């Protein structure tokens, strides 16, 4: 699935916030669901992993386990921001999606450790 368009990004080592554009025309809304398009939760986790891999230059991005809390549905044309934090020592990525200042989902992903 194509990543959403990045409107802005800001941050520092270990932490970044990415502002995303999610127009109705984005492929994530096609068929999910007809008449009431929503951003699937599995895509939110996938996008968090993919952006984390890119911005934190992760060697591997295989999730060993994850916790996620969905607070409300995300629809098309919302201003959405994704905050990511990487804890290299613990091997975890935490994420938080916000729309209009409200947390819409958040979670923690523990990455598989390679010996």
PDB file of N, CA and C in Angstrom:
ATOM      1  N   UNK A   1       0.853  -1.182   0.000  1.00  0.00           N
ATOM      2  CA  UNK A   1       0.000   0.000   0.000  1.00  0.00           C
ATOM      3  C   UNK A   1       0.894   1.239   0.000  1.00  0.00           C
ATOM      4  N   UNK A   2       0.548   2.168  -0.844  1.00  0.00           N
ATOM      5  CA  UNK A   2       1.276   3.427  -0.966  1.00  0.00           C
ATOM      6  C   UNK A   2       1.169   4.223   0.338  1.00  0.00           C
ATOM      7  N   UNK A   3       2.287   4.780   0.760  1.00  0.00           N
ATOM      8  CA  UNK A   3       2.290   5.643   1.945  1.00  0.00           C
ATOM      9  C   UNK A   3       1.574   6.951   1.641  1.00  0.00           C
ATOM     10  N   UNK A   4       1.021   7.593   2.660  1.00  0.00           N
ATOM     11  CA  UNK A   4       0.385   8.896   2.432  1.00  0.00           C
ATOM     12  C   UNK A   4       1.431   9.960   2.138  1.00  0.00           C
ATOM     13  N   UNK A   5       0.979  11.038   1.524  1.00  0.00           N
ATOM     14  CA  UNK A   5       1.857  12.159   1.211  1.00  0.00           C
ATOM     15  C   UNK A   5       2.257  12.866   2.499  1.00  0.00           C
ATOM     16  N   UNK A   6       3.533  13.213   2.597  1.00  0.00           N
ATOM     17  CA  UNK A   6       4.053  13.936   3.754  1.00  0.00           C
ATOM     18  C   UNK A   6       3.908  15.430   3.489  1.00  0.00           C
ATOM     19  N   UNK A   7       3.248  16.131   4.403  1.00  0.00           N
ATOM     20  CA  UNK A   7       3.102  17.579   4.277  1.00  0.00           C
ATOM     21  C   UNK A   7       4.207  18.317   5.018  1.00  0.00           C
ATOM     22  N   UNK A   8       4.660  17.734   6.113  1.00  0.00           N
ATOM     23  CA  UNK A   8       5.690  18.372   6.932  1.00  0.00           C
ATOM     24  C   UNK A   8       6.285  17.312   7.852  1.00  0.00           C
ATOM     25  N   UNK A   9       7.517  17.536   8.266  1.00  0.00           N
ATOM     26  CA  UNK A   9       8.120  16.670   9.284  1.00  0.00           C
ATOM     27  C   UNK A   9       9.053  17.501  10.145  1.00  0.00           C
ATOM     28  N   UNK A  10       9.094  17.140  11.397  1.00  0.00           N
ATOM     29  CA  UNK A  10       9.951  17.848  12.341  1.00  0.00           C
ATOM     30  C   UNK A  10      10.367  16.874  13.423  1.00  0.00           C
ATOM     31  N   UNK A  11      11.503  17.143  14.025  1.00  0.00           N
ATOM     32  CA  UNK A  11      11.946  16.266  15.096  1.00  0.00           C
ATOM     33  C   UNK A  11      13.434  16.354  15.321  1.00  0.00           C
ATOM     34  N   UNK A  12      13.886  15.417  16.105  1.00  0.00           N
ATOM     35  CA  UNK A  12      15.288  15.328  16.477  1.00  0.00           C
ATOM     36  C   UNK A  12      15.633  13.859  16.598  1.00  0.00           C
ATOM     37  N   UNK A  13      16.865  13.565  16.987  1.00  0.00           N
ATOM     38  CA  UNK A  13      17.303  12.180  17.101  1.00  0.00           C
ATOM     39  C   UNK A  13      16.376  11.391  18.022  1.00  0.00           C
ATOM     40  N   UNK A  14      15.876  10.295  17.504  1.00  0.00           N
ATOM     41  CA  UNK A  14      15.043   9.409  18.308  1.00  0.00           C
ATOM     42  C   UNK A  14      13.572   9.752  18.348  1.00  0.00           C
ATOM     43  N   UNK A  15      13.201  10.923  17.797  1.00  0.00           N
ATOM     44  CA  UNK A  15      11.791  11.323  17.824  1.00  0.00           C
ATOM     45  C   UNK A  15      11.471  12.192  16.607  1.00  0.00           C
ATOM     46  N   UNK A  16      10.333  11.916  15.981  1.00  0.00           N
ATOM     47  CA  UNK A  16       9.929  12.684  14.804  1.00  0.00           C
ATOM     48  C   UNK A  16       8.405  12.764  14.746  1.00  0.00           C
ATOM     49  N   UNK A  17       7.910  13.854  14.183  1.00  0.00           N
ATOM     50  CA  UNK A  17       6.475  14.013  13.929  1.00  0.00           C
ATOM     51  C   UNK A  17       6.318  14.263  12.435  1.00  0.00           C
ATOM     52  N   UNK A  18       5.425  13.503  11.802  1.00  0.00           N
ATOM     53  CA  UNK A  18       5.188  13.594  10.371  1.00  0.00           C
ATOM     54  C   UNK A  18       3.723  13.969  10.165  1.00  0.00           C
ATOM     55  N   UNK A  19       3.476  15.058   9.452  1.00  0.00           N
ATOM     56  CA  UNK A  19       2.112  15.467   9.111  1.00  0.00           C
ATOM     57  C   UNK A  19       1.766  14.835   7.768  1.00  0.00           C
ATOM     58  N   UNK A  20       0.618  14.169   7.722  1.00  0.00           N
ATOM     59  CA  UNK A  20       0.236  13.371   6.558  1.00  0.00           C
ATOM     60  C   UNK A  20      -1.017  13.916   5.882  1.00  0.00           C
ATOM     61  N   UNK A  21      -1.075  13.756   4.568  1.00  0.00           N
ATOM     62  CA  UNK A  21      -2.267  14.115   3.795  1.00  0.00           C
ATOM     63  C   UNK A  21      -3.003  12.826   3.446  1.00  0.00           C
ATOM     64  N   UNK A  22      -4.285  12.776   3.764  1.00  0.00           N
ATOM     65  CA  UNK A  22      -5.109  11.603   3.476  1.00  0.00           C
ATOM     66  C   UNK A  22      -6.370  11.996   2.711  1.00  0.00           C
ATOM     67  N   UNK A  23      -6.229  12.343   1.442  1.00  0.00           N
ATOM     68  CA  UNK A  23      -7.414  12.705   0.658  1.00  0.00           C
ATOM     69  C   UNK A  23      -8.272  11.473   0.377  1.00  0.00           C
ATOM     70  N   UNK A  24      -9.509  11.716   0.094  1.00  0.00           N
ATOM     71  CA  UNK A  24     -10.447  10.635  -0.212  1.00  0.00           C
ATOM     72  C   UNK A  24      -9.929   9.758  -1.345  1.00  0.00           C
ATOM     73  N   UNK A  25      -9.117  10.319  -2.236  1.00  0.00           N
ATOM     74  CA  UNK A  25      -8.609   9.581  -3.392  1.00  0.00           C
ATOM     75  C   UNK A  25      -7.475   8.603  -3.040  1.00  0.00           C
ATOM     76  N   UNK A  26      -6.953   8.643  -1.810  1.00  0.00           N
ATOM     77  CA  UNK A  26      -5.856   7.737  -1.434  1.00  0.00           C
ATOM     78  C   UNK A  26      -6.348   6.288  -1.466  1.00  0.00           C
ATOM     79  N   UNK A  27      -5.511   5.398  -1.928  1.00  0.00           N
ATOM     80  CA  UNK A  27      -5.858   3.978  -2.083  1.00  0.00           C
ATOM     81  C   UNK A  27      -6.294   3.304  -0.779  1.00  0.00           C
ATOM     82  N   UNK A  28      -5.904   3.854   0.367  1.00  0.00           N
ATOM     83  CA  UNK A  28      -6.268   3.229   1.644  1.00  0.00           C
ATOM     84  C   UNK A  28      -7.776   3.241   1.888  1.00  0.00           C
ATOM     85  N   UNK A  29      -8.493   4.110   1.200  1.00  0.00           N
ATOM     86  CA  UNK A  29      -9.936   4.207   1.404  1.00  0.00           C
ATOM     87  C   UNK A  29     -10.755   3.408   0.387  1.00  0.00           C
ATOM     88  N   UNK A  30     -10.109   2.891  -0.641  1.00  0.00           N
ATOM     89  CA  UNK A  30     -10.824   2.150  -1.674  1.00  0.00           C
ATOM     90  C   UNK A  30     -11.355   0.834  -1.106  1.00  0.00           C
ATOM     91  N   UNK A  31     -12.674   0.700  -1.074  1.00  0.00           N
ATOM     92  CA  UNK A  31     -13.300  -0.538  -0.626  1.00  0.00           C
ATOM     93  C   UNK A  31     -13.314  -0.738   0.870  1.00  0.00           C
ATOM     94  N   UNK A  32     -12.863   0.244   1.632  1.00  0.00           N
ATOM     95  CA  UNK A  32     -12.779   0.080   3.096  1.00  0.00           C
ATOM     96  C   UNK A  32     -13.391   1.303   3.778  1.00  0.00           C
ATOM     97  N   UNK A  33     -14.544   1.447   3.917  1.00  0.00           N
ATOM     98  CA  UNK A  33     -15.711   0.642   3.567  1.00  0.00           C
ATOM     99  C   UNK A  33     -16.596   1.472   2.662  1.00  0.00           C
ATOM    100  N   UNK A  34     -17.283   0.851   1.710  1.00  0.00           N
ATOM    101  CA  UNK A  34     -18.156   1.611   0.814  1.00  0.00           C
ATOM    102  C   UNK A  34     -19.202   2.409   1.593  1.00  0.00           C
ATOM    103  N   UNK A  35     -19.304   3.693   1.280  1.00  0.00           N
ATOM    104  CA  UNK A  35     -20.263   4.551   1.960  1.00  0.00           C
ATOM    105  C   UNK A  35     -19.758   5.164   3.252  1.00  0.00           C
ATOM    106  N   UNK A  36     -18.748   4.608   3.853  1.00  0.00           N
ATOM    107  CA  UNK A  36     -18.152   5.140   5.094  1.00  0.00           C
ATOM    108  C   UNK A  36     -16.672   4.763   5.134  1.00  0.00           C
ATOM    109  N   UNK A  37     -15.860   5.422   4.309  1.00  0.00           N
ATOM    110  CA  UNK A  37     -14.438   5.072   4.244  1.00  0.00           C
ATOM    111  C   UNK A  37     -13.713   5.365   5.559  1.00  0.00           C
ATOM    112  N   UNK A  38     -12.868   4.414   5.965  1.00  0.00           N
ATOM    113  CA  UNK A  38     -12.064   4.564   7.178  1.00  0.00           C
ATOM    114  C   UNK A  38     -10.642   4.096   6.897  1.00  0.00           C
ATOM    115  N   UNK A  39      -9.717   4.617   7.671  1.00  0.00           N
ATOM    116  CA  UNK A  39      -8.319   4.187   7.612  1.00  0.00           C
ATOM    117  C   UNK A  39      -8.176   2.946   8.483  1.00  0.00           C
ATOM    118  N   UNK A  40      -7.836   1.830   7.882  1.00  0.00           N
ATOM    119  CA  UNK A  40      -7.727   0.561   8.601  1.00  0.00           C
ATOM    120  C   UNK A  40      -6.632   0.617   9.674  1.00  0.00           C
ATOM    121  N   UNK A  41      -6.908  -0.001  10.798  1.00  0.00           N
ATOM    122  CA  UNK A  41      -5.942  -0.053  11.893  1.00  0.00           C
ATOM    123  C   UNK A  41      -4.646  -0.738  11.500  1.00  0.00           C
ATOM    124  N   UNK A  42      -4.739  -1.799  10.703  1.00  0.00           N
ATOM    125  CA  UNK A  42      -3.536  -2.511  10.289  1.00  0.00           C
ATOM    126  C   UNK A  42      -2.624  -1.598   9.462  1.00  0.00           C
ATOM    127  N   UNK A  43      -3.205  -0.674   8.689  1.00  0.00           N
ATOM    128  CA  UNK A  43      -2.390   0.282   7.932  1.00  0.00           C
ATOM    129  C   UNK A  43      -1.718   1.285   8.854  1.00  0.00           C
ATOM    130  N   UNK A  44      -2.397   1.692   9.911  1.00  0.00           N
ATOM    131  CA  UNK A  44      -1.784   2.624  10.855  1.00  0.00           C
ATOM    132  C   UNK A  44      -0.528   2.007  11.476  1.00  0.00           C
ATOM    133  N   UNK A  45      -0.593   0.740  11.846  1.00  0.00           N
ATOM    134  CA  UNK A  45       0.575   0.051  12.413  1.00  0.00           C
ATOM    135  C   UNK A  45       1.654  -0.112  11.340  1.00  0.00           C
ATOM    136  N   UNK A  46       1.250  -0.519  10.140  1.00  0.00           N
ATOM    137  CA  UNK A  46       2.203  -0.690   9.044  1.00  0.00           C
ATOM    138  C   UNK A  46       2.918   0.618   8.719  1.00  0.00           C
ATOM    139  N   UNK A  47       2.161   1.707   8.615  1.00  0.00           N
ATOM    140  CA  UNK A  47       2.777   2.997   8.299  1.00  0.00           C
ATOM    141  C   UNK A  47       3.724   3.436   9.409  1.00  0.00           C
ATOM    142  N   UNK A  48       3.369   3.210  10.653  1.00  0.00           N
ATOM    143  CA  UNK A  48       4.267   3.554  11.760  1.00  0.00           C
ATOM    144  C   UNK A  48       5.589   2.795  11.613  1.00  0.00           C
ATOM    145  N   UNK A  49       5.518   1.522  11.300  1.00  0.00           N
ATOM    146  CA  UNK A  49       6.729   0.711  11.113  1.00  0.00           C
ATOM    147  C   UNK A  49       7.548   1.203   9.922  1.00  0.00           C
ATOM    148  N   UNK A  50       6.877   1.489   8.822  1.00  0.00           N
ATOM    149  CA  UNK A  50       7.595   1.898   7.614  1.00  0.00           C
ATOM    150  C   UNK A  50       8.245   3.265   7.772  1.00  0.00           C
ATOM    151  N   UNK A  51       7.548   4.221   8.373  1.00  0.00           N
ATOM    152  CA  UNK A  51       8.151   5.537   8.612  1.00  0.00           C
ATOM    153  C   UNK A  51       9.287   5.421   9.630  1.00  0.00           C
ATOM    154  N   UNK A  52       9.110   4.611  10.660  1.00  0.00           N
ATOM    155  CA  UNK A  52      10.175   4.413  11.659  1.00  0.00           C
ATOM    156  C   UNK A  52      11.418   3.821  11.004  1.00  0.00           C
ATOM    157  N   UNK A  53      11.235   2.834  10.141  1.00  0.00           N
ATOM    158  CA  UNK A  53      12.374   2.214   9.451  1.00  0.00           C
ATOM    159  C   UNK A  53      13.141   3.244   8.644  1.00  0.00           C
ATOM    160  N   UNK A  54      12.404   4.129   7.982  1.00  0.00           N
ATOM    161  CA  UNK A  54      13.049   5.155   7.163  1.00  0.00           C
ATOM    162  C   UNK A  54      13.750   6.218   8.005  1.00  0.00           C
ATOM    163  N   UNK A  55      13.054   6.793   8.962  1.00  0.00           N
ATOM    164  CA  UNK A  55      13.594   7.931   9.704  1.00  0.00           C
ATOM    165  C   UNK A  55      14.632   7.557  10.761  1.00  0.00           C
ATOM    166  N   UNK A  56      14.543   6.343  11.285  1.00  0.00           N
ATOM    167  CA  UNK A  56      15.504   5.929  12.301  1.00  0.00           C
ATOM    168  C   UNK A  56      16.539   4.955  11.757  1.00  0.00           C
ATOM    169  N   UNK A  57      16.550   4.769  10.430  1.00  0.00           N
ATOM    170  CA  UNK A  57      17.515   3.899   9.747  1.00  0.00           C
ATOM    171  C   UNK A  57      17.613   2.533  10.430  1.00  0.00           C
ATOM    172  N   UNK A  58      16.462   1.891  10.596  1.00  0.00           N
ATOM    173  CA  UNK A  58      16.433   0.585  11.249  1.00  0.00           C
ATOM    174  C   UNK A  58      16.913  -0.492  10.278  1.00  0.00           C
ATOM    175  N   UNK A  59      17.759  -1.382  10.766  1.00  0.00           N
ATOM    176  CA  UNK A  59      18.266  -2.481   9.943  1.00  0.00           C
ATOM    177  C   UNK A  59      17.164  -3.471   9.610  1.00  0.00           C
ATOM    178  N   UNK A  60      16.324  -3.731  10.576  1.00  0.00           N
ATOM    179  CA  UNK A  60      15.227  -4.672  10.395  1.00  0.00           C
ATOM    180  C   UNK A  60      13.969  -4.079  11.005  1.00  0.00           C
ATOM    181  N   UNK A  61      12.849  -4.426  10.443  1.00  0.00           N
ATOM    182  CA  UNK A  61      11.595  -3.863  10.941  1.00  0.00           C
ATOM    183  C   UNK A  61      10.557  -4.956  11.161  1.00  0.00           C
ATOM    184  N   UNK A  62      10.990  -6.064  11.714  1.00  0.00           N
ATOM    185  CA  UNK A  62      10.070  -7.153  12.008  1.00  0.00           C
ATOM    186  C   UNK A  62       9.568  -6.972  13.427  1.00  0.00           C
ATOM    187  N   UNK A  63       8.257  -6.900  13.583  1.00  0.00           N
ATOM    188  CA  UNK A  63       7.672  -6.728  14.907  1.00  0.00           C
ATOM    189  C   UNK A  63       7.613  -8.069  15.623  1.00  0.00           C
ATOM    190  N   UNK A  64       8.133  -8.094  16.837  1.00  0.00           N
ATOM    191  CA  UNK A  64       8.024  -9.299  17.656  1.00  0.00           C
ATOM    192  C   UNK A  64       6.653  -9.326  18.317  1.00  0.00           C
ATOM    193  N   UNK A  65       6.223  -8.186  18.799  1.00  0.00           N
ATOM    194  CA  UNK A  65       4.865  -8.027  19.299  1.00  0.00           C
ATOM    195  C   UNK A  65       4.532  -6.541  19.327  1.00  0.00           C
ATOM    196  N   UNK A  66       3.261  -6.250  19.521  1.00  0.00           N
ATOM    197  CA  UNK A  66       2.863  -4.848  19.579  1.00  0.00           C
ATOM    198  C   UNK A  66       1.598  -4.705  20.408  1.00  0.00           C
ATOM    199  N   UNK A  67       1.418  -3.500  20.899  1.00  0.00           N
ATOM    200  CA  UNK A  67       0.207  -3.106  21.613  1.00  0.00           C
ATOM    201  C   UNK A  67      -0.315  -1.873  20.892  1.00  0.00           C
ATOM    202  N   UNK A  68      -1.619  -1.813  20.721  1.00  0.00           N
ATOM    203  CA  UNK A  68      -2.197  -0.655  20.042  1.00  0.00           C
ATOM    204  C   UNK A  68      -3.570  -0.364  20.634  1.00  0.00           C
ATOM    205  N   UNK A  69      -3.884   0.920  20.702  1.00  0.00           N
ATOM    206  CA  UNK A  69      -5.193   1.352  21.189  1.00  0.00           C
ATOM    207  C   UNK A  69      -5.784   2.297  20.151  1.00  0.00           C
ATOM    208  N   UNK A  70      -6.962   1.927  19.657  1.00  0.00           N
ATOM    209  CA  UNK A  70      -7.672   2.770  18.708  1.00  0.00           C
ATOM    210  C   UNK A  70      -8.751   3.511  19.476  1.00  0.00           C
ATOM    211  N   UNK A  71      -8.695   4.838  19.432  1.00  0.00           N
ATOM    212  CA  UNK A  71      -9.646   5.654  20.190  1.00  0.00           C
ATOM    213  C   UNK A  71     -10.839   6.099  19.359  1.00  0.00           C
ATOM    214  N   UNK A  72     -10.599   6.285  18.057  1.00  0.00           N
ATOM    215  CA  UNK A  72     -11.710   6.624  17.172  1.00  0.00           C
ATOM    216  C   UNK A  72     -11.297   6.362  15.732  1.00  0.00           C
ATOM    217  N   UNK A  73     -12.299   6.299  14.889  1.00  0.00           N
ATOM    218  CA  UNK A  73     -12.109   6.028  13.463  1.00  0.00           C
ATOM    219  C   UNK A  73     -11.501   7.252  12.778  1.00  0.00           C
ATOM    220  N   UNK A  74     -10.611   6.995  11.823  1.00  0.00           N
ATOM    221  CA  UNK A  74     -10.011   8.053  11.010  1.00  0.00           C
ATOM    222  C   UNK A  74     -10.607   7.955   9.613  1.00  0.00           C
ATOM    223  N   UNK A  75     -11.123   9.075   9.123  1.00  0.00           N
ATOM    224  CA  UNK A  75     -11.723   9.117   7.796  1.00  0.00           C
ATOM    225  C   UNK A  75     -10.891   9.934   6.836  1.00  0.00           C
ATOM    226  N   UNK A  76     -11.357  10.052   5.592  1.00  0.00           N
ATOM    227  CA  UNK A  76     -10.630  10.823   4.582  1.00  0.00           C
ATOM    228  C   UNK A  76     -10.652  12.324   4.872  1.00  0.00           C
ATOM    229  N   UNK A  77      -9.659  13.000   4.327  1.00  0.00           N
ATOM    230  CA  UNK A  77      -9.528  14.457   4.389  1.00  0.00           C
ATOM    231  C   UNK A  77      -9.284  15.000   5.796  1.00  0.00           C
ATOM    232  N   UNK A  78      -8.839  14.142   6.709  1.00  0.00           N
ATOM    233  CA  UNK A  78      -8.464  14.625   8.046  1.00  0.00           C
ATOM    234  C   UNK A  78      -7.004  15.042   8.032  1.00  0.00           C
ATOM    235  N   UNK A  79      -6.683  16.063   8.823  1.00  0.00           N
ATOM    236  CA  UNK A  79      -5.284  16.409   9.055  1.00  0.00           C
ATOM    237  C   UNK A  79      -4.776  15.414  10.085  1.00  0.00           C
ATOM    238  N   UNK A  80      -3.806  14.602   9.695  1.00  0.00           N
ATOM    239  CA  UNK A  80      -3.323  13.533  10.548  1.00  0.00           C
ATOM    240  C   UNK A  80      -1.836  13.703  10.769  1.00  0.00           C
ATOM    241  N   UNK A  81      -1.406  13.590  12.012  1.00  0.00           N
ATOM    242  CA  UNK A  81       0.021  13.621  12.294  1.00  0.00           C
ATOM    243  C   UNK A  81       0.407  12.324  12.993  1.00  0.00           C
ATOM    244  N   UNK A  82       1.619  11.880  12.723  1.00  0.00           N
ATOM    245  CA  UNK A  82       2.162  10.669  13.303  1.00  0.00           C
ATOM    246  C   UNK A  82       3.429  11.022  14.064  1.00  0.00           C
ATOM    247  N   UNK A  83       3.400  10.805  15.373  1.00  0.00           N
ATOM    248  CA  UNK A  83       4.584  11.019  16.203  1.00  0.00           C
ATOM    249  C   UNK A  83       5.221   9.660  16.461  1.00  0.00           C
ATOM    250  N   UNK A  84       6.527   9.579  16.221  1.00  0.00           N
ATOM    251  CA  UNK A  84       7.274   8.342  16.409  1.00  0.00           C
ATOM    252  C   UNK A  84       8.429   8.576  17.358  1.00  0.00           C
ATOM    253  N   UNK A  85       8.669   7.607  18.211  1.00  0.00           N
ATOM    254  CA  UNK A  85       9.823   7.657  19.118  1.00  0.00           C
ATOM    255  C   UNK A  85      10.482   6.285  19.078  1.00  0.00           C
ATOM    256  N   UNK A  86      11.806   6.276  18.927  1.00  0.00           N
ATOM    257  CA  UNK A  86      12.548   5.019  18.877  1.00  0.00           C
ATOM    258  C   UNK A  86      13.472   4.919  20.069  1.00  0.00           C
ATOM    259  N   UNK A  87      13.348   3.830  20.812  1.00  0.00           N
ATOM    260  CA  UNK A  87      14.234   3.525  21.937  1.00  0.00           C
ATOM    261  C   UNK A  87      15.128   2.372  21.492  1.00  0.00           C
ATOM    262  N   UNK A  88      16.321   2.700  21.051  1.00  0.00           N
ATOM    263  CA  UNK A  88      17.245   1.705  20.504  1.00  0.00           C
ATOM    264  C   UNK A  88      17.617   0.652  21.551  1.00  0.00           C
ATOM    265  N   UNK A  89      17.836   1.081  22.782  1.00  0.00           N
ATOM    266  CA  UNK A  89      18.249   0.148  23.835  1.00  0.00           C
ATOM    267  C   UNK A  89      17.171  -0.915  24.095  1.00  0.00           C
ATOM    268  N   UNK A  90      15.931  -0.504  24.094  1.00  0.00           N
ATOM    269  CA  UNK A  90      14.829  -1.449  24.344  1.00  0.00           C
ATOM    270  C   UNK A  90      14.314  -2.106  23.065  1.00  0.00           C
ATOM    271  N   UNK A  91      14.702  -1.539  21.931  1.00  0.00           N
ATOM    272  CA  UNK A  91      14.224  -2.076  20.658  1.00  0.00           C
ATOM    273  C   UNK A  91      12.746  -1.853  20.446  1.00  0.00           C
ATOM    274  N   UNK A  92      12.255  -0.650  20.843  1.00  0.00           N
ATOM    275  CA  UNK A  92      10.829  -0.367  20.705  1.00  0.00           C
ATOM    276  C   UNK A  92      10.595   0.922  19.922  1.00  0.00           C
ATOM    277  N   UNK A  93       9.501   0.922  19.208  1.00  0.00           N
ATOM    278  CA  UNK A  93       8.999   2.111  18.519  1.00  0.00           C
ATOM    279  C   UNK A  93       7.639   2.409  19.130  1.00  0.00           C
ATOM    280  N   UNK A  94       7.452   3.617  19.636  1.00  0.00           N
ATOM    281  CA  UNK A  94       6.129   4.032  20.087  1.00  0.00           C
ATOM    282  C   UNK A  94       5.587   5.020  19.058  1.00  0.00           C
ATOM    283  N   UNK A  95       4.272   4.974  18.878  1.00  0.00           N
ATOM    284  CA  UNK A  95       3.654   5.858  17.897  1.00  0.00           C
ATOM    285  C   UNK A  95       2.348   6.414  18.437  1.00  0.00           C
ATOM    286  N   UNK A  96       1.994   7.561  17.866  1.00  0.00           N
ATOM    287  CA  UNK A  96       0.746   8.225  18.240  1.00  0.00           C
ATOM    288  C   UNK A  96       0.242   8.995  17.026  1.00  0.00           C
ATOM    289  N   UNK A  97      -0.964   8.662  16.603  1.00  0.00           N
ATOM    290  CA  UNK A  97      -1.620   9.414  15.532  1.00  0.00           C
ATOM    291  C   UNK A  97      -2.556  10.423  16.176  1.00  0.00           C
ATOM    292  N   UNK A  98      -2.535  11.647  15.649  1.00  0.00           N
ATOM    293  CA  UNK A  98      -3.413  12.714  16.135  1.00  0.00           C
ATOM    294  C   UNK A  98      -4.133  13.364  14.958  1.00  0.00           C
ATOM    295  N   UNK A  99      -5.356  13.785  15.239  1.00  0.00           N
ATOM    296  CA  UNK A  99      -6.134  14.569  14.280  1.00  0.00           C
ATOM    297  C   UNK A  99      -6.785  15.703  15.053  1.00  0.00           C
ATOM    298  N   UNK A 100      -6.569  16.930  14.593  1.00  0.00           N
ATOM    299  CA  UNK A 100      -7.106  18.127  15.259  1.00  0.00           C
ATOM    300  C   UNK A 100      -6.733  18.141  16.741  1.00  0.00           C
ATOM    301  N   UNK A 101      -5.502  17.737  17.047  1.00  0.00           N
ATOM    302  CA  UNK A 101      -5.018  17.761  18.421  1.00  0.00           C
ATOM    303  C   UNK A 101      -5.480  16.596  19.283  1.00  0.00           C
ATOM    304  N   UNK A 102      -6.338  15.742  18.755  1.00  0.00           N
ATOM    305  CA  UNK A 102      -6.898  14.614  19.501  1.00  0.00           C
ATOM    306  C   UNK A 102      -6.154  13.323  19.132  1.00  0.00           C
ATOM    307  N   UNK A 103      -5.789  12.532  20.132  1.00  0.00           N
ATOM    308  CA  UNK A 103      -5.169  11.236  19.867  1.00  0.00           C
ATOM    309  C   UNK A 103      -6.234  10.304  19.301  1.00  0.00           C
ATOM    310  N   UNK A 104      -5.959   9.747  18.113  1.00  0.00           N
ATOM    311  CA  UNK A 104      -6.905   8.812  17.504  1.00  0.00           C
ATOM    312  C   UNK A 104      -6.442   7.366  17.635  1.00  0.00           C
ATOM    313  N   UNK A 105      -5.133   7.159  17.745  1.00  0.00           N
ATOM    314  CA  UNK A 105      -4.602   5.830  18.026  1.00  0.00           C
ATOM    315  C   UNK A 105      -3.169   5.972  18.533  1.00  0.00           C
ATOM    316  N   UNK A 106      -2.720   4.958  19.259  1.00  0.00           N
ATOM    317  CA  UNK A 106      -1.362   4.968  19.785  1.00  0.00           C
ATOM    318  C   UNK A 106      -0.929   3.535  20.034  1.00  0.00           C
ATOM    319  N   UNK A 107       0.365   3.345  20.147  1.00  0.00           N
ATOM    320  CA  UNK A 107       0.832   1.998  20.400  1.00  0.00           C
ATOM    321  C   UNK A 107       2.331   1.915  20.581  1.00  0.00           C
ATOM    322  N   UNK A 108       2.767   0.687  20.840  1.00  0.00           N
ATOM    323  CA  UNK A 108       4.187   0.380  21.009  1.00  0.00           C
ATOM    324  C   UNK A 108       4.470  -0.908  20.251  1.00  0.00           C
ATOM    325  N   UNK A 109       5.569  -0.896  19.513  1.00  0.00           N
ATOM    326  CA  UNK A 109       5.986  -2.053  18.732  1.00  0.00           C
ATOM    327  C   UNK A 109       7.361  -2.488  19.237  1.00  0.00           C
ATOM    328  N   UNK A 110       7.460  -3.730  19.629  1.00  0.00           N
ATOM    329  CA  UNK A 110       8.759  -4.270  20.047  1.00  0.00           C
ATOM    330  C   UNK A 110       9.348  -4.994  18.851  1.00  0.00           C
ATOM    331  N   UNK A 111      10.534  -4.576  18.457  1.00  0.00           N
ATOM    332  CA  UNK A 111      11.182  -5.128  17.272  1.00  0.00           C
ATOM    333  C   UNK A 111      11.908  -6.425  17.604  1.00  0.00           C
ATOM    334  N   UNK A 112      11.941  -7.290  16.624  1.00  0.00           N
ATOM    335  CA  UNK A 112      12.662  -8.556  16.767  1.00  0.00           C
ATOM    336  C   UNK A 112      14.152  -8.262  16.926  1.00  0.00           C
ATOM    337  N   UNK A 113      14.769  -8.892  17.896  1.00  0.00           N
ATOM    338  CA  UNK A 113      16.204  -8.693  18.138  1.00  0.00           C
ATOM    339  C   UNK A 113      16.999  -9.750  17.399  1.00  0.00           C
ATOM    340  N   UNK A 114      18.025  -9.324  16.696  1.00  0.00           N
ATOM    341  CA  UNK A 114      18.901 -10.254  15.987  1.00  0.00           C
ATOM    342  C   UNK A 114      20.205 -10.382  16.763  1.00  0.00           C
ATOM    343  N   UNK A 115      20.651 -11.602  16.929  1.00  0.00           N
ATOM    344  CA  UNK A 115      21.897 -11.842  17.681  1.00  0.00           C
ATOM    345  C   UNK A 115      23.106 -11.721  16.794  1.00  0.00           C
TER     346      UNK A 115
END
